[in-house]
Amino acid sequence: MKEVKAYVHANRIADVIAALRASTIWAPAAGEPPPNLAIYVVKGFLAPIDNVEAVSSIELGDEIVNECKLELLCADDHVSELVEIIRRVGRTGQTNAGWICVMAVQQALPIT
C-alpha cells in the first residue's frame, strides 16, 4: 500500500478530485478497498498564478498562496495512474505548480 500526498493550487483541486473519481481506480475490483482520499486547505509557497492568489501573511511574514493538500491511500499498482492524473489535471503551466510525494505504508487498518 502507498500514500500519495499532493500539494496543488486551490483553483485546480475540484478538477483533480473529479478526474480521480472518474478513473477506473475509483471503482476497484471486488474485495479491494477504494482509495481513501482526504483534502486539507493549507498555506504554502507555491508560485501564485496571478496577483489575486498571493496573500500577505502577517504570521509568516511573507506572501503565501492558499493551496490544497491531497492525501490518498491506494494499492501499489494504482500509484502510477493516480500520479499521472494529479500531474495532468493539477498543472498550471508554472514551474512551481505543486508537488507529489509517494510513500510506502507499512500497515493500514480499517476502523470497524
PDB file of N, CA and C in Angstrom:
ATOM      1  N   MET A   1       0.848  -1.171   0.000  1.00  0.00           N
ATOM      2  CA  MET A   1       0.000   0.000   0.000  1.00  0.00           C
ATOM      3  C   MET A   1       0.893   1.233   0.000  1.00  0.00           C
ATOM      4  N   LYS A   2       0.410   2.293  -0.644  1.00  0.00           N
ATOM      5  CA  LYS A   2       1.153   3.548  -0.735  1.00  0.00           C
ATOM      6  C   LYS A   2       0.279   4.713  -0.280  1.00  0.00           C
ATOM      7  N   GLU A   3       0.950   5.767   0.159  1.00  0.00           N
ATOM      8  CA  GLU A   3       0.276   7.031   0.434  1.00  0.00           C
ATOM      9  C   GLU A   3       0.810   8.040  -0.571  1.00  0.00           C
ATOM     10  N   VAL A   4      -0.110   8.684  -1.267  1.00  0.00           N
ATOM     11  CA  VAL A   4       0.241   9.723  -2.222  1.00  0.00           C
ATOM     12  C   VAL A   4      -0.205  11.039  -1.604  1.00  0.00           C
ATOM     13  N   LYS A   5       0.739  11.974  -1.472  1.00  0.00           N
ATOM     14  CA  LYS A   5       0.419  13.319  -0.989  1.00  0.00           C
ATOM     15  C   LYS A   5       0.700  14.277  -2.132  1.00  0.00           C
ATOM     16  N   ALA A   6      -0.208  15.207  -2.345  1.00  0.00           N
ATOM     17  CA  ALA A   6      -0.020  16.185  -3.414  1.00  0.00           C
ATOM     18  C   ALA A   6      -0.416  17.560  -2.910  1.00  0.00           C
ATOM     19  N   TYR A   7       0.369  18.542  -3.277  1.00  0.00           N
ATOM     20  CA  TYR A   7       0.085  19.938  -2.973  1.00  0.00           C
ATOM     21  C   TYR A   7      -0.251  20.617  -4.290  1.00  0.00           C
ATOM     22  N   VAL A   8      -1.487  21.094  -4.423  1.00  0.00           N
ATOM     23  CA  VAL A   8      -1.923  21.704  -5.681  1.00  0.00           C
ATOM     24  C   VAL A   8      -2.616  23.036  -5.389  1.00  0.00           C
ATOM     25  N   HIS A   9      -2.661  23.880  -6.402  1.00  0.00           N
ATOM     26  CA  HIS A   9      -3.356  25.158  -6.275  1.00  0.00           C
ATOM     27  C   HIS A   9      -4.826  24.904  -5.967  1.00  0.00           C
ATOM     28  N   ALA A  10      -5.380  25.744  -5.097  1.00  0.00           N
ATOM     29  CA  ALA A  10      -6.777  25.594  -4.691  1.00  0.00           C
ATOM     30  C   ALA A  10      -7.737  25.659  -5.878  1.00  0.00           C
ATOM     31  N   ASN A  11      -7.387  26.442  -6.898  1.00  0.00           N
ATOM     32  CA  ASN A  11      -8.296  26.550  -8.048  1.00  0.00           C
ATOM     33  C   ASN A  11      -8.231  25.329  -8.960  1.00  0.00           C
ATOM     34  N   ARG A  12      -7.366  24.365  -8.711  1.00  0.00           N
ATOM     35  CA  ARG A  12      -7.267  23.145  -9.515  1.00  0.00           C
ATOM     36  C   ARG A  12      -7.830  21.921  -8.779  1.00  0.00           C
ATOM     37  N   ILE A  13      -8.098  22.036  -7.476  1.00  0.00           N
ATOM     38  CA  ILE A  13      -8.433  20.850  -6.680  1.00  0.00           C
ATOM     39  C   ILE A  13      -9.758  20.208  -7.090  1.00  0.00           C
ATOM     40  N   ALA A  14     -10.774  20.983  -7.428  1.00  0.00           N
ATOM     41  CA  ALA A  14     -12.067  20.404  -7.822  1.00  0.00           C
ATOM     42  C   ALA A  14     -11.908  19.543  -9.071  1.00  0.00           C
ATOM     43  N   ASP A  15     -11.121  20.018 -10.042  1.00  0.00           N
ATOM     44  CA  ASP A  15     -10.893  19.240 -11.263  1.00  0.00           C
ATOM     45  C   ASP A  15     -10.073  17.983 -10.985  1.00  0.00           C
ATOM     46  N   VAL A  16      -9.101  18.091 -10.076  1.00  0.00           N
ATOM     47  CA  VAL A  16      -8.286  16.919  -9.717  1.00  0.00           C
ATOM     48  C   VAL A  16      -9.170  15.854  -9.068  1.00  0.00           C
ATOM     49  N   ILE A  17     -10.011  16.258  -8.127  1.00  0.00           N
ATOM     50  CA  ILE A  17     -10.900  15.299  -7.454  1.00  0.00           C
ATOM     51  C   ILE A  17     -11.850  14.655  -8.460  1.00  0.00           C
ATOM     52  N   ALA A  18     -12.434  15.451  -9.346  1.00  0.00           N
ATOM     53  CA  ALA A  18     -13.355  14.912 -10.357  1.00  0.00           C
ATOM     54  C   ALA A  18     -12.644  13.901 -11.252  1.00  0.00           C
ATOM     55  N   ALA A  19     -11.415  14.189 -11.663  1.00  0.00           N
ATOM     56  CA  ALA A  19     -10.660  13.273 -12.525  1.00  0.00           C
ATOM     57  C   ALA A  19     -10.297  11.985 -11.786  1.00  0.00           C
ATOM     58  N   LEU A  20      -9.929  12.096 -10.521  1.00  0.00           N
ATOM     59  CA  LEU A  20      -9.624  10.894  -9.732  1.00  0.00           C
ATOM     60  C   LEU A  20     -10.870  10.019  -9.587  1.00  0.00           C
ATOM     61  N   ARG A  21     -12.007  10.631  -9.268  1.00  0.00           N
ATOM     62  CA  ARG A  21     -13.238   9.870  -9.068  1.00  0.00           C
ATOM     63  C   ARG A  21     -13.761   9.275 -10.371  1.00  0.00           C
ATOM     64  N   ALA A  22     -13.403   9.859 -11.518  1.00  0.00           N
ATOM     65  CA  ALA A  22     -13.835   9.332 -12.816  1.00  0.00           C
ATOM     66  C   ALA A  22     -12.922   8.208 -13.305  1.00  0.00           C
ATOM     67  N   SER A  23     -11.787   8.002 -12.636  1.00  0.00           N
ATOM     68  CA  SER A  23     -10.838   6.970 -13.077  1.00  0.00           C
ATOM     69  C   SER A  23     -11.363   5.574 -12.748  1.00  0.00           C
ATOM     70  N   THR A  24     -10.821   4.591 -13.435  1.00  0.00           N
ATOM     71  CA  THR A  24     -11.207   3.198 -13.180  1.00  0.00           C
ATOM     72  C   THR A  24     -10.765   2.738 -11.793  1.00  0.00           C
ATOM     73  N   ILE A  25      -9.792   3.389 -11.224  1.00  0.00           N
ATOM     74  CA  ILE A  25      -9.298   3.029  -9.890  1.00  0.00           C
ATOM     75  C   ILE A  25     -10.355   3.290  -8.822  1.00  0.00           C
ATOM     76  N   TRP A  26     -11.209   4.270  -9.055  1.00  0.00           N
ATOM     77  CA  TRP A  26     -12.202   4.617  -8.033  1.00  0.00           C
ATOM     78  C   TRP A  26     -13.269   3.542  -7.880  1.00  0.00           C
ATOM     79  N   ALA A  27     -13.417   2.676  -8.866  1.00  0.00           N
ATOM     80  CA  ALA A  27     -14.344   1.545  -8.767  1.00  0.00           C
ATOM     81  C   ALA A  27     -13.488   0.279  -8.805  1.00  0.00           C
ATOM     82  N   PRO A  28     -12.821  -0.051  -7.701  1.00  0.00           N
ATOM     83  CA  PRO A  28     -11.873  -1.168  -7.693  1.00  0.00           C
ATOM     84  C   PRO A  28     -12.552  -2.525  -7.838  1.00  0.00           C
ATOM     85  N   ALA A  29     -11.730  -3.514  -8.118  1.00  0.00           N
ATOM     86  CA  ALA A  29     -12.211  -4.896  -8.247  1.00  0.00           C
ATOM     87  C   ALA A  29     -12.784  -5.372  -6.913  1.00  0.00           C
ATOM     88  N   ALA A  30     -13.581  -6.409  -6.978  1.00  0.00           N
ATOM     89  CA  ALA A  30     -14.213  -6.970  -5.777  1.00  0.00           C
ATOM     90  C   ALA A  30     -13.160  -7.341  -4.744  1.00  0.00           C
ATOM     91  N   GLY A  31     -13.434  -7.004  -3.497  1.00  0.00           N
ATOM     92  CA  GLY A  31     -12.530  -7.350  -2.416  1.00  0.00           C
ATOM     93  C   GLY A  31     -11.408  -6.342  -2.206  1.00  0.00           C
ATOM     94  N   GLU A  32     -11.265  -5.376  -3.098  1.00  0.00           N
ATOM     95  CA  GLU A  32     -10.215  -4.370  -2.966  1.00  0.00           C
ATOM     96  C   GLU A  32     -10.857  -3.067  -2.499  1.00  0.00           C
ATOM     97  N   PRO A  33     -10.322  -2.439  -1.455  1.00  0.00           N
ATOM     98  CA  PRO A  33     -10.950  -1.205  -0.975  1.00  0.00           C
ATOM     99  C   PRO A  33     -10.715  -0.051  -1.939  1.00  0.00           C
ATOM    100  N   PRO A  34     -11.650   0.887  -2.005  1.00  0.00           N
ATOM    101  CA  PRO A  34     -11.431   2.069  -2.855  1.00  0.00           C
ATOM    102  C   PRO A  34     -10.350   2.946  -2.222  1.00  0.00           C
ATOM    103  N   PRO A  35      -9.726   3.805  -2.999  1.00  0.00           N
ATOM    104  CA  PRO A  35      -8.727   4.710  -2.422  1.00  0.00           C
ATOM    105  C   PRO A  35      -9.358   5.566  -1.332  1.00  0.00           C
ATOM    106  N   ASN A  36      -8.591   5.880  -0.297  1.00  0.00           N
ATOM    107  CA  ASN A  36      -9.049   6.735   0.786  1.00  0.00           C
ATOM    108  C   ASN A  36      -8.493   8.125   0.524  1.00  0.00           C
ATOM    109  N   LEU A  37      -9.352   9.114   0.375  1.00  0.00           N
ATOM    110  CA  LEU A  37      -8.948  10.450  -0.024  1.00  0.00           C
ATOM    111  C   LEU A  37      -9.295  11.466   1.055  1.00  0.00           C
ATOM    112  N   ALA A  38      -8.348  12.344   1.386  1.00  0.00           N
ATOM    113  CA  ALA A  38      -8.584  13.455   2.312  1.00  0.00           C
ATOM    114  C   ALA A  38      -8.003  14.719   1.685  1.00  0.00           C
ATOM    115  N   ILE A  39      -8.679  15.840   1.885  1.00  0.00           N
ATOM    116  CA  ILE A  39      -8.247  17.126   1.341  1.00  0.00           C
ATOM    117  C   ILE A  39      -8.139  18.117   2.507  1.00  0.00           C
ATOM    118  N   TYR A  40      -7.041  18.858   2.546  1.00  0.00           N
ATOM    119  CA  TYR A  40      -6.823  19.887   3.553  1.00  0.00           C
ATOM    120  C   TYR A  40      -6.503  21.195   2.848  1.00  0.00           C
ATOM    121  N   VAL A  41      -7.039  22.303   3.355  1.00  0.00           N
ATOM    122  CA  VAL A  41      -6.653  23.616   2.861  1.00  0.00           C
ATOM    123  C   VAL A  41      -5.455  24.050   3.693  1.00  0.00           C
ATOM    124  N   VAL A  42      -4.361  24.376   3.020  1.00  0.00           N
ATOM    125  CA  VAL A  42      -3.122  24.756   3.702  1.00  0.00           C
ATOM    126  C   VAL A  42      -2.583  26.052   3.106  1.00  0.00           C
ATOM    127  N   LYS A  43      -1.684  26.680   3.829  1.00  0.00           N
ATOM    128  CA  LYS A  43      -0.992  27.866   3.338  1.00  0.00           C
ATOM    129  C   LYS A  43       0.394  27.434   2.910  1.00  0.00           C
ATOM    130  N   GLY A  44       0.812  27.884   1.733  1.00  0.00           N
ATOM    131  CA  GLY A  44       2.109  27.447   1.245  1.00  0.00           C
ATOM    132  C   GLY A  44       2.771  28.492   0.369  1.00  0.00           C
ATOM    133  N   PHE A  45       3.839  28.066  -0.264  1.00  0.00           N
ATOM    134  CA  PHE A  45       4.665  28.980  -1.039  1.00  0.00           C
ATOM    135  C   PHE A  45       4.745  28.594  -2.511  1.00  0.00           C
ATOM    136  N   LEU A  46       3.679  27.971  -3.050  1.00  0.00           N
ATOM    137  CA  LEU A  46       3.647  27.726  -4.486  1.00  0.00           C
ATOM    138  C   LEU A  46       3.668  29.063  -5.208  1.00  0.00           C
ATOM    139  N   ALA A  47       4.144  29.060  -6.447  1.00  0.00           N
ATOM    140  CA  ALA A  47       4.139  30.293  -7.238  1.00  0.00           C
ATOM    141  C   ALA A  47       2.699  30.700  -7.503  1.00  0.00           C
ATOM    142  N   PRO A  48       2.314  31.949  -7.165  1.00  0.00           N
ATOM    143  CA  PRO A  48       0.931  32.368  -7.421  1.00  0.00           C
ATOM    144  C   PRO A  48       0.644  32.429  -8.915  1.00  0.00           C
ATOM    145  N   ILE A  49      -0.567  32.066  -9.283  1.00  0.00           N
ATOM    146  CA  ILE A  49      -0.977  32.113 -10.684  1.00  0.00           C
ATOM    147  C   ILE A  49      -1.159  33.562 -11.122  1.00  0.00           C
ATOM    148  N   ASP A  50      -1.685  34.401 -10.204  1.00  0.00           N
ATOM    149  CA  ASP A  50      -1.857  35.826 -10.503  1.00  0.00           C
ATOM    150  C   ASP A  50      -1.736  36.605  -9.203  1.00  0.00           C
ATOM    151  N   ASN A  51      -1.837  37.932  -9.290  1.00  0.00           N
ATOM    152  CA  ASN A  51      -1.683  38.782  -8.104  1.00  0.00           C
ATOM    153  C   ASN A  51      -2.798  38.574  -7.089  1.00  0.00           C
ATOM    154  N   VAL A  52      -3.954  38.124  -7.538  1.00  0.00           N
ATOM    155  CA  VAL A  52      -5.086  37.905  -6.637  1.00  0.00           C
ATOM    156  C   VAL A  52      -4.844  36.700  -5.734  1.00  0.00           C
ATOM    157  N   GLU A  53      -4.146  35.698  -6.243  1.00  0.00           N
ATOM    158  CA  GLU A  53      -3.928  34.463  -5.483  1.00  0.00           C
ATOM    159  C   GLU A  53      -2.929  34.647  -4.339  1.00  0.00           C
ATOM    160  N   ALA A  54      -1.970  35.546  -4.486  1.00  0.00           N
ATOM    161  CA  ALA A  54      -0.975  35.788  -3.448  1.00  0.00           C
ATOM    162  C   ALA A  54      -1.595  36.609  -2.320  1.00  0.00           C
ATOM    163  N   VAL A  55      -1.363  36.168  -1.087  1.00  0.00           N
ATOM    164  CA  VAL A  55      -1.898  36.832   0.085  1.00  0.00           C
ATOM    165  C   VAL A  55      -0.741  37.096   1.039  1.00  0.00           C
ATOM    166  N   SER A  56      -0.712  38.280   1.633  1.00  0.00           N
ATOM    167  CA  SER A  56       0.326  38.567   2.625  1.00  0.00           C
ATOM    168  C   SER A  56      -0.068  37.943   3.948  1.00  0.00           C
ATOM    169  N   SER A  57       0.863  37.224   4.547  1.00  0.00           N
ATOM    170  CA  SER A  57       0.615  36.577   5.830  1.00  0.00           C
ATOM    171  C   SER A  57       1.396  37.298   6.918  1.00  0.00           C
ATOM    172  N   ILE A  58       0.676  37.871   7.875  1.00  0.00           N
ATOM    173  CA  ILE A  58       1.327  38.548   8.993  1.00  0.00           C
ATOM    174  C   ILE A  58       2.074  37.525   9.844  1.00  0.00           C
ATOM    175  N   GLU A  59       1.437  36.336  10.064  1.00  0.00           N
ATOM    176  CA  GLU A  59       2.054  35.300  10.899  1.00  0.00           C
ATOM    177  C   GLU A  59       3.369  34.791  10.316  1.00  0.00           C
ATOM    178  N   LEU A  60       3.395  34.621   8.990  1.00  0.00           N
ATOM    179  CA  LEU A  60       4.584  34.056   8.343  1.00  0.00           C
ATOM    180  C   LEU A  60       5.524  35.132   7.808  1.00  0.00           C
ATOM    181  N   GLY A  61       5.070  36.373   7.746  1.00  0.00           N
ATOM    182  CA  GLY A  61       5.907  37.467   7.283  1.00  0.00           C
ATOM    183  C   GLY A  61       6.299  37.372   5.819  1.00  0.00           C
ATOM    184  N   ASP A  62       5.428  36.795   5.008  1.00  0.00           N
ATOM    185  CA  ASP A  62       5.742  36.624   3.599  1.00  0.00           C
ATOM    186  C   ASP A  62       4.443  36.471   2.814  1.00  0.00           C
ATOM    187  N   GLU A  63       4.557  36.497   1.486  1.00  0.00           N
ATOM    188  CA  GLU A  63       3.406  36.210   0.643  1.00  0.00           C
ATOM    189  C   GLU A  63       3.186  34.711   0.603  1.00  0.00           C
ATOM    190  N   ILE A  64       1.939  34.300   0.719  1.00  0.00           N
ATOM    191  CA  ILE A  64       1.594  32.882   0.669  1.00  0.00           C
ATOM    192  C   ILE A  64       0.496  32.665  -0.361  1.00  0.00           C
ATOM    193  N   VAL A  65       0.241  31.405  -0.643  1.00  0.00           N
ATOM    194  CA  VAL A  65      -0.837  31.009  -1.545  1.00  0.00           C
ATOM    195  C   VAL A  65      -1.673  29.975  -0.807  1.00  0.00           C
ATOM    196  N   ASN A  66      -2.998  30.117  -0.867  1.00  0.00           N
ATOM    197  CA  ASN A  66      -3.853  29.059  -0.333  1.00  0.00           C
ATOM    198  C   ASN A  66      -3.778  27.898  -1.311  1.00  0.00           C
ATOM    199  N   GLU A  67      -3.354  26.757  -0.820  1.00  0.00           N
ATOM    200  CA  GLU A  67      -3.247  25.572  -1.653  1.00  0.00           C
ATOM    201  C   GLU A  67      -3.967  24.422  -0.964  1.00  0.00           C
ATOM    202  N   CYS A  68      -4.093  23.320  -1.646  1.00  0.00           N
ATOM    203  CA  CYS A  68      -4.751  22.150  -1.074  1.00  0.00           C
ATOM    204  C   CYS A  68      -3.761  21.001  -1.003  1.00  0.00           C
ATOM    205  N   LYS A  69      -3.830  20.296   0.117  1.00  0.00           N
ATOM    206  CA  LYS A  69      -3.026  19.092   0.301  1.00  0.00           C
ATOM    207  C   LYS A  69      -3.970  17.912   0.164  1.00  0.00           C
ATOM    208  N   LEU A  70      -3.663  17.052  -0.759  1.00  0.00           N
ATOM    209  CA  LEU A  70      -4.459  15.868  -1.033  1.00  0.00           C
ATOM    210  C   LEU A  70      -3.697  14.669  -0.476  1.00  0.00           C
ATOM    211  N   GLU A  71      -4.332  13.832   0.326  1.00  0.00           N
ATOM    212  CA  GLU A  71      -3.719  12.605   0.837  1.00  0.00           C
ATOM    213  C   GLU A  71      -4.563  11.437   0.368  1.00  0.00           C
ATOM    214  N   LEU A  72      -3.905  10.454  -0.198  1.00  0.00           N
ATOM    215  CA  LEU A  72      -4.601   9.347  -0.831  1.00  0.00           C
ATOM    216  C   LEU A  72      -3.905   8.039  -0.487  1.00  0.00           C
ATOM    217  N   LEU A  73      -4.626   7.096   0.104  1.00  0.00           N
ATOM    218  CA  LEU A  73      -4.105   5.747   0.335  1.00  0.00           C
ATOM    219  C   LEU A  73      -4.591   4.865  -0.805  1.00  0.00           C
ATOM    220  N   CYS A  74      -3.672   4.074  -1.380  1.00  0.00           N
ATOM    221  CA  CYS A  74      -4.069   3.251  -2.523  1.00  0.00           C
ATOM    222  C   CYS A  74      -3.181   2.020  -2.632  1.00  0.00           C
ATOM    223  N   ALA A  75      -3.608   1.073  -3.441  1.00  0.00           N
ATOM    224  CA  ALA A  75      -2.819  -0.121  -3.729  1.00  0.00           C
ATOM    225  C   ALA A  75      -1.588   0.274  -4.539  1.00  0.00           C
ATOM    226  N   ASP A  76      -0.505  -0.468  -4.362  1.00  0.00           N
ATOM    227  CA  ASP A  76       0.760  -0.175  -5.055  1.00  0.00           C
ATOM    228  C   ASP A  76       0.587  -0.047  -6.563  1.00  0.00           C
ATOM    229  N   ASP A  77      -0.223  -0.918  -7.155  1.00  0.00           N
ATOM    230  CA  ASP A  77      -0.344  -0.918  -8.614  1.00  0.00           C
ATOM    231  C   ASP A  77      -1.205   0.224  -9.154  1.00  0.00           C
ATOM    232  N   HIS A  78      -1.776   1.055  -8.285  1.00  0.00           N
ATOM    233  CA  HIS A  78      -2.571   2.201  -8.728  1.00  0.00           C
ATOM    234  C   HIS A  78      -1.788   3.510  -8.698  1.00  0.00           C
ATOM    235  N   VAL A  79      -0.609   3.497  -8.107  1.00  0.00           N
ATOM    236  CA  VAL A  79       0.142   4.740  -7.896  1.00  0.00           C
ATOM    237  C   VAL A  79       0.431   5.473  -9.198  1.00  0.00           C
ATOM    238  N   SER A  80       0.949   4.791 -10.190  1.00  0.00           N
ATOM    239  CA  SER A  80       1.336   5.456 -11.446  1.00  0.00           C
ATOM    240  C   SER A  80       0.159   6.186 -12.081  1.00  0.00           C
ATOM    241  N   GLU A  81      -0.993   5.534 -12.135  1.00  0.00           N
ATOM    242  CA  GLU A  81      -2.159   6.159 -12.757  1.00  0.00           C
ATOM    243  C   GLU A  81      -2.648   7.354 -11.947  1.00  0.00           C
ATOM    244  N   LEU A  82      -2.676   7.224 -10.617  1.00  0.00           N
ATOM    245  CA  LEU A  82      -3.129   8.331  -9.785  1.00  0.00           C
ATOM    246  C   LEU A  82      -2.186   9.527  -9.887  1.00  0.00           C
ATOM    247  N   VAL A  83      -0.891   9.274  -9.874  1.00  0.00           N
ATOM    248  CA  VAL A  83       0.092  10.356 -10.008  1.00  0.00           C
ATOM    249  C   VAL A  83      -0.050  11.039 -11.365  1.00  0.00           C
ATOM    250  N   GLU A  84      -0.256  10.263 -12.408  1.00  0.00           N
ATOM    251  CA  GLU A  84      -0.421  10.832 -13.755  1.00  0.00           C
ATOM    252  C   GLU A  84      -1.653  11.733 -13.804  1.00  0.00           C
ATOM    253  N   ILE A  85      -2.751  11.317 -13.185  1.00  0.00           N
ATOM    254  CA  ILE A  85      -3.975  12.122 -13.169  1.00  0.00           C
ATOM    255  C   ILE A  85      -3.731  13.434 -12.427  1.00  0.00           C
ATOM    256  N   ILE A  86      -3.102  13.360 -11.266  1.00  0.00           N
ATOM    257  CA  ILE A  86      -2.843  14.569 -10.475  1.00  0.00           C
ATOM    258  C   ILE A  86      -1.921  15.521 -11.237  1.00  0.00           C
ATOM    259  N   ARG A  87      -0.874  14.991 -11.867  1.00  0.00           N
ATOM    260  CA  ARG A  87       0.066  15.845 -12.616  1.00  0.00           C
ATOM    261  C   ARG A  87      -0.613  16.506 -13.815  1.00  0.00           C
ATOM    262  N   ARG A  88      -1.404  15.737 -14.531  1.00  0.00           N
ATOM    263  CA  ARG A  88      -2.037  16.251 -15.747  1.00  0.00           C
ATOM    264  C   ARG A  88      -3.107  17.293 -15.420  1.00  0.00           C
ATOM    265  N   VAL A  89      -3.968  16.974 -14.476  1.00  0.00           N
ATOM    266  CA  VAL A  89      -5.106  17.845 -14.185  1.00  0.00           C
ATOM    267  C   VAL A  89      -4.719  18.997 -13.245  1.00  0.00           C
ATOM    268  N   GLY A  90      -3.749  18.775 -12.378  1.00  0.00           N
ATOM    269  CA  GLY A  90      -3.348  19.807 -11.416  1.00  0.00           C
ATOM    270  C   GLY A  90      -2.386  20.836 -11.953  1.00  0.00           C
ATOM    271  N   ARG A  91      -1.871  20.627 -13.158  1.00  0.00           N
ATOM    272  CA  ARG A  91      -0.847  21.545 -13.671  1.00  0.00           C
ATOM    273  C   ARG A  91      -1.426  22.917 -13.977  1.00  0.00           C
ATOM    274  N   THR A  92      -0.580  23.914 -13.780  1.00  0.00           N
ATOM    275  CA  THR A  92      -0.966  25.296 -14.075  1.00  0.00           C
ATOM    276  C   THR A  92      -0.094  25.876 -15.182  1.00  0.00           C
ATOM    277  N   GLY A  93       0.918  25.155 -15.600  1.00  0.00           N
ATOM    278  CA  GLY A  93       1.843  25.662 -16.604  1.00  0.00           C
ATOM    279  C   GLY A  93       3.029  26.377 -15.990  1.00  0.00           C
ATOM    280  N   GLN A  94       3.048  26.473 -14.679  1.00  0.00           N
ATOM    281  CA  GLN A  94       4.157  27.122 -13.989  1.00  0.00           C
ATOM    282  C   GLN A  94       5.167  26.085 -13.511  1.00  0.00           C
ATOM    283  N   THR A  95       6.368  26.551 -13.231  1.00  0.00           N
ATOM    284  CA  THR A  95       7.400  25.629 -12.753  1.00  0.00           C
ATOM    285  C   THR A  95       7.097  25.104 -11.360  1.00  0.00           C
ATOM    286  N   ASN A  96       6.596  25.949 -10.493  1.00  0.00           N
ATOM    287  CA  ASN A  96       6.305  25.555  -9.116  1.00  0.00           C
ATOM    288  C   ASN A  96       4.792  25.473  -8.912  1.00  0.00           C
ATOM    289  N   ALA A  97       4.148  24.551  -9.640  1.00  0.00           N
ATOM    290  CA  ALA A  97       2.689  24.420  -9.588  1.00  0.00           C
ATOM    291  C   ALA A  97       2.239  23.428  -8.524  1.00  0.00           C
ATOM    292  N   GLY A  98       3.153  22.758  -7.866  1.00  0.00           N
ATOM    293  CA  GLY A  98       2.788  21.813  -6.821  1.00  0.00           C
ATOM    294  C   GLY A  98       3.792  20.679  -6.707  1.00  0.00           C
ATOM    295  N   TRP A  99       3.511  19.790  -5.785  1.00  0.00           N
ATOM    296  CA  TRP A  99       4.395  18.648  -5.529  1.00  0.00           C
ATOM    297  C   TRP A  99       3.564  17.395  -5.298  1.00  0.00           C
ATOM    298  N   ILE A 100       4.139  16.263  -5.673  1.00  0.00           N
ATOM    299  CA  ILE A 100       3.522  14.967  -5.389  1.00  0.00           C
ATOM    300  C   ILE A 100       4.578  14.111  -4.705  1.00  0.00           C
ATOM    301  N   CYS A 101       4.212  13.500  -3.594  1.00  0.00           N
ATOM    302  CA  CYS A 101       5.113  12.618  -2.849  1.00  0.00           C
ATOM    303  C   CYS A 101       4.444  11.255  -2.729  1.00  0.00           C
ATOM    304  N   VAL A 102       5.220  10.199  -2.875  1.00  0.00           N
ATOM    305  CA  VAL A 102       4.699   8.838  -2.736  1.00  0.00           C
ATOM    306  C   VAL A 102       5.513   8.136  -1.657  1.00  0.00           C
ATOM    307  N   MET A 103       4.821   7.564  -0.670  1.00  0.00           N
ATOM    308  CA  MET A 103       5.478   6.886   0.438  1.00  0.00           C
ATOM    309  C   MET A 103       4.887   5.509   0.672  1.00  0.00           C
ATOM    310  N   ALA A 104       5.708   4.611   1.123  1.00  0.00           N
ATOM    311  CA  ALA A 104       5.243   3.271   1.470  1.00  0.00           C
ATOM    312  C   ALA A 104       4.486   3.322   2.794  1.00  0.00           C
ATOM    313  N   VAL A 105       3.432   2.541   2.880  1.00  0.00           N
ATOM    314  CA  VAL A 105       2.653   2.421   4.118  1.00  0.00           C
ATOM    315  C   VAL A 105       2.911   1.024   4.670  1.00  0.00           C
ATOM    316  N   GLN A 106       3.422   0.948   5.880  1.00  0.00           N
ATOM    317  CA  GLN A 106       3.714  -0.359   6.470  1.00  0.00           C
ATOM    318  C   GLN A 106       2.441  -1.128   6.800  1.00  0.00           C
ATOM    319  N   GLN A 107       1.442  -0.405   7.299  1.00  0.00           N
ATOM    320  CA  GLN A 107       0.211  -1.068   7.692  1.00  0.00           C
ATOM    321  C   GLN A 107      -0.918  -0.057   7.666  1.00  0.00           C
ATOM    322  N   ALA A 108      -2.068  -0.488   7.174  1.00  0.00           N
ATOM    323  CA  ALA A 108      -3.276   0.342   7.181  1.00  0.00           C
ATOM    324  C   ALA A 108      -4.435  -0.536   7.618  1.00  0.00           C
ATOM    325  N   LEU A 109      -5.074  -0.138   8.688  1.00  0.00           N
ATOM    326  CA  LEU A 109      -6.151  -0.946   9.243  1.00  0.00           C
ATOM    327  C   LEU A 109      -7.456  -0.158   9.291  1.00  0.00           C
ATOM    328  N   PRO A 110      -8.541  -0.752   8.841  1.00  0.00           N
ATOM    329  CA  PRO A 110      -9.825  -0.040   8.909  1.00  0.00           C
ATOM    330  C   PRO A 110     -10.320   0.035  10.345  1.00  0.00           C
ATOM    331  N   ILE A 111     -11.050   1.096  10.633  1.00  0.00           N
ATOM    332  CA  ILE A 111     -11.702   1.227  11.930  1.00  0.00           C
ATOM    333  C   ILE A 111     -13.098   0.655  11.749  1.00  0.00           C
ATOM    334  N   THR A 112     -13.397  -0.425  12.442  1.00  0.00           N
ATOM    335  CA  THR A 112     -14.703  -1.073  12.284  1.00  0.00           C
ATOM    336  C   THR A 112     -15.526  -1.011  13.538  1.00  0.00           C
TER     337      THR A 112
END
